[in-house]
């Protein structure tokens, strides 16, 4: 029989990932809000330029999680 506390302690610490994703989502929301305001003020939908910085940051988060060594919190 396995010890439940052992499983909890051996699980990888995802607090850093949660913080990174939370910051990314906040950043995405702000940029999207700016884009909406610009589109409203211009009277037409402008090109969705926030996709570039949002996508780059998201890609960095994904690649950093893939490349990160197990047990390393970076």
N, C-alpha and C. Protein backbone atom coordinates (compact mmCIF):
# COMPACT_ATOMS: atom_id res chain seq x y z
N UNK A 1 0.85 -1.18 0.00
CA UNK A 1 0.00 0.00 0.00
C UNK A 1 0.89 1.24 0.00
N UNK A 2 0.54 2.23 -0.81
CA UNK A 2 1.37 3.42 -0.91
C UNK A 2 0.93 4.47 0.09
N UNK A 3 1.89 5.25 0.50
CA UNK A 3 1.65 6.32 1.44
C UNK A 3 1.18 7.57 0.68
N UNK A 4 -0.02 8.12 0.97
CA UNK A 4 -0.51 9.28 0.21
C UNK A 4 0.37 10.51 0.37
N UNK A 5 0.99 10.68 1.55
CA UNK A 5 1.87 11.83 1.75
C UNK A 5 3.10 11.74 0.85
N UNK A 6 3.58 10.53 0.62
CA UNK A 6 4.75 10.35 -0.23
C UNK A 6 4.44 10.81 -1.66
N UNK A 7 3.25 10.49 -2.16
CA UNK A 7 2.87 10.90 -3.51
C UNK A 7 2.75 12.42 -3.62
N UNK A 8 2.23 13.06 -2.59
CA UNK A 8 2.11 14.52 -2.63
C UNK A 8 3.47 15.18 -2.62
N UNK A 9 4.40 14.65 -1.82
CA UNK A 9 5.72 15.25 -1.73
C UNK A 9 6.56 14.99 -2.97
N UNK A 10 6.31 13.92 -3.68
CA UNK A 10 7.11 13.61 -4.86
C UNK A 10 6.56 14.29 -6.12
N UNK A 11 5.37 14.88 -6.03
CA UNK A 11 4.81 15.57 -7.19
C UNK A 11 5.63 16.81 -7.50
N UNK A 12 5.83 17.11 -8.78
CA UNK A 12 6.61 18.29 -9.13
C UNK A 12 5.91 19.56 -8.66
N UNK A 13 6.71 20.52 -8.25
CA UNK A 13 6.18 21.79 -7.78
C UNK A 13 5.78 22.63 -8.98
N UNK A 14 4.49 22.86 -9.14
CA UNK A 14 3.99 23.61 -10.27
C UNK A 14 3.67 25.06 -9.92
N UNK A 15 4.10 25.52 -8.75
CA UNK A 15 3.76 26.89 -8.35
C UNK A 15 4.39 27.91 -9.29
N UNK A 16 5.60 27.65 -9.75
CA UNK A 16 6.24 28.58 -10.67
C UNK A 16 5.50 28.60 -12.00
N UNK A 17 5.09 27.43 -12.48
CA UNK A 17 4.34 27.36 -13.73
C UNK A 17 3.02 28.11 -13.60
N UNK A 18 2.35 27.95 -12.47
CA UNK A 18 1.08 28.65 -12.24
C UNK A 18 1.29 30.16 -12.26
N UNK A 19 2.38 30.63 -11.65
CA UNK A 19 2.67 32.06 -11.65
C UNK A 19 2.97 32.56 -13.06
N UNK A 20 3.74 31.78 -13.82
CA UNK A 20 4.08 32.17 -15.19
C UNK A 20 2.83 32.25 -16.06
N UNK A 21 1.97 31.24 -15.96
CA UNK A 21 0.76 31.21 -16.77
C UNK A 21 -0.19 32.33 -16.34
N UNK A 22 -0.27 32.59 -15.05
CA UNK A 22 -1.12 33.68 -14.56
C UNK A 22 -0.65 35.02 -15.10
N UNK A 23 0.66 35.26 -15.07
CA UNK A 23 1.21 36.51 -15.61
C UNK A 23 0.96 36.60 -17.11
N UNK A 24 1.11 35.48 -17.81
CA UNK A 24 0.89 35.45 -19.25
C UNK A 24 -0.58 35.75 -19.58
N UNK A 25 -1.50 35.17 -18.82
CA UNK A 25 -2.92 35.43 -19.06
C UNK A 25 -3.28 36.89 -18.78
N UNK A 26 -2.71 37.46 -17.73
CA UNK A 26 -2.95 38.87 -17.42
C UNK A 26 -2.42 39.77 -18.54
N UNK A 27 -1.22 39.48 -18.98
CA UNK A 27 -0.58 40.20 -20.08
C UNK A 27 -1.44 40.10 -21.34
N UNK A 28 -1.93 38.90 -21.62
CA UNK A 28 -2.78 38.68 -22.79
C UNK A 28 -4.08 39.48 -22.70
N UNK A 29 -4.66 39.52 -21.52
CA UNK A 29 -5.91 40.26 -21.33
C UNK A 29 -5.70 41.76 -21.53
N UNK A 30 -4.60 42.27 -21.01
CA UNK A 30 -4.31 43.71 -21.17
C UNK A 30 -4.09 44.06 -22.63
N UNK A 31 -3.28 43.26 -23.32
CA UNK A 31 -3.02 43.55 -24.74
C UNK A 31 -4.29 43.42 -25.57
N UNK A 32 -5.11 42.43 -25.27
CA UNK A 32 -6.36 42.26 -26.00
C UNK A 32 -7.30 43.43 -25.74
N UNK A 33 -7.34 43.92 -24.50
CA UNK A 33 -8.18 45.08 -24.18
C UNK A 33 -7.70 46.31 -24.95
N UNK A 34 -6.39 46.50 -25.04
CA UNK A 34 -5.85 47.62 -25.81
C UNK A 34 -6.25 47.49 -27.28
N UNK A 35 -6.15 46.27 -27.80
CA UNK A 35 -6.54 46.03 -29.20
C UNK A 35 -8.03 46.34 -29.42
N UNK A 36 -8.88 45.94 -28.48
CA UNK A 36 -10.32 46.21 -28.59
C UNK A 36 -10.57 47.72 -28.60
N UNK A 37 -9.92 48.44 -27.70
CA UNK A 37 -10.10 49.90 -27.64
C UNK A 37 -9.64 50.54 -28.94
N UNK A 38 -8.50 50.13 -29.46
CA UNK A 38 -8.00 50.67 -30.73
C UNK A 38 -8.98 50.36 -31.86
N UNK A 39 -9.51 49.15 -31.88
CA UNK A 39 -10.47 48.78 -32.92
C UNK A 39 -11.75 49.61 -32.83
N UNK A 40 -12.23 49.83 -31.62
CA UNK A 40 -13.44 50.64 -31.44
C UNK A 40 -13.19 52.08 -31.86
N UNK A 41 -12.07 52.63 -31.44
CA UNK A 41 -11.77 54.03 -31.77
C UNK A 41 -11.53 54.23 -33.26
N UNK A 42 -10.99 53.21 -33.93
CA UNK A 42 -10.73 53.35 -35.36
C UNK A 42 -11.98 53.06 -36.19
N UNK A 43 -12.99 52.46 -35.58
CA UNK A 43 -14.23 52.17 -36.27
C UNK A 43 -14.20 50.89 -37.10
N UNK A 44 -13.11 50.13 -37.00
CA UNK A 44 -13.01 48.85 -37.73
C UNK A 44 -12.09 47.91 -36.96
N UNK A 45 -12.21 46.63 -37.26
CA UNK A 45 -11.31 45.67 -36.62
C UNK A 45 -9.93 45.79 -37.26
N UNK A 46 -8.96 46.10 -36.43
CA UNK A 46 -7.59 46.16 -36.92
C UNK A 46 -6.96 44.78 -36.78
N UNK A 47 -5.86 44.58 -37.44
CA UNK A 47 -5.15 43.30 -37.36
C UNK A 47 -4.86 42.97 -35.89
N UNK A 48 -5.05 41.71 -35.51
CA UNK A 48 -4.87 41.31 -34.12
C UNK A 48 -3.37 41.20 -33.81
N UNK A 49 -2.76 42.36 -33.62
CA UNK A 49 -1.32 42.43 -33.35
C UNK A 49 -0.91 41.81 -32.02
N UNK A 50 -1.77 41.74 -30.99
CA UNK A 50 -1.33 41.11 -29.74
C UNK A 50 -0.94 39.64 -29.89
N UNK A 51 -1.34 39.01 -31.00
CA UNK A 51 -1.00 37.60 -31.19
C UNK A 51 0.52 37.39 -31.20
N UNK A 52 1.26 38.36 -31.68
CA UNK A 52 2.72 38.20 -31.77
C UNK A 52 3.36 38.15 -30.38
N UNK A 53 3.20 39.17 -29.52
CA UNK A 53 3.82 39.07 -28.20
C UNK A 53 3.22 37.97 -27.32
N UNK A 54 1.89 37.76 -27.44
CA UNK A 54 1.25 36.70 -26.66
C UNK A 54 1.79 35.34 -27.08
N UNK A 55 1.91 35.12 -28.37
CA UNK A 55 2.42 33.85 -28.88
C UNK A 55 3.87 33.60 -28.52
N UNK A 56 4.69 34.64 -28.61
CA UNK A 56 6.12 34.49 -28.28
C UNK A 56 6.27 34.12 -26.82
N UNK A 57 5.58 34.84 -25.93
CA UNK A 57 5.70 34.54 -24.51
C UNK A 57 5.16 33.15 -24.19
N UNK A 58 4.04 32.78 -24.80
CA UNK A 58 3.49 31.45 -24.59
C UNK A 58 4.44 30.36 -25.05
N UNK A 59 5.07 30.58 -26.20
CA UNK A 59 6.04 29.62 -26.72
C UNK A 59 7.24 29.48 -25.78
N UNK A 60 7.69 30.59 -25.23
CA UNK A 60 8.80 30.55 -24.27
C UNK A 60 8.42 29.72 -23.05
N UNK A 61 7.20 29.89 -22.55
CA UNK A 61 6.75 29.12 -21.38
C UNK A 61 6.74 27.63 -21.71
N UNK A 62 6.18 27.27 -22.86
CA UNK A 62 6.09 25.86 -23.25
C UNK A 62 7.48 25.26 -23.43
N UNK A 63 8.35 25.95 -24.15
CA UNK A 63 9.69 25.41 -24.39
C UNK A 63 10.47 25.30 -23.09
N UNK A 64 10.33 26.28 -22.20
CA UNK A 64 11.06 26.21 -20.93
C UNK A 64 10.61 25.02 -20.09
N UNK A 65 9.34 24.65 -20.18
CA UNK A 65 8.85 23.49 -19.43
C UNK A 65 9.31 22.19 -20.07
N UNK A 66 9.44 22.17 -21.38
CA UNK A 66 9.91 20.96 -22.07
C UNK A 66 11.39 20.74 -21.81
N UNK A 67 12.16 21.81 -21.85
CA UNK A 67 13.61 21.73 -21.72
C UNK A 67 14.04 21.57 -20.27
N UNK A 68 13.22 22.04 -19.33
CA UNK A 68 13.59 22.01 -17.91
C UNK A 68 13.89 20.59 -17.45
N UNK A 69 14.93 20.46 -16.67
CA UNK A 69 15.30 19.15 -16.12
C UNK A 69 14.38 18.80 -14.97
N UNK A 70 14.04 17.53 -14.82
CA UNK A 70 13.21 17.12 -13.69
C UNK A 70 13.87 17.48 -12.36
N UNK A 71 13.09 18.02 -11.45
CA UNK A 71 13.62 18.40 -10.15
C UNK A 71 14.20 19.79 -10.14
N UNK A 72 14.34 20.39 -11.31
CA UNK A 72 14.86 21.74 -11.41
C UNK A 72 13.67 22.68 -11.53
N UNK A 73 13.58 23.69 -10.66
CA UNK A 73 12.42 24.59 -10.64
C UNK A 73 12.63 25.80 -11.52
N UNK A 74 13.29 25.63 -12.65
CA UNK A 74 13.49 26.77 -13.54
C UNK A 74 12.96 26.51 -14.92
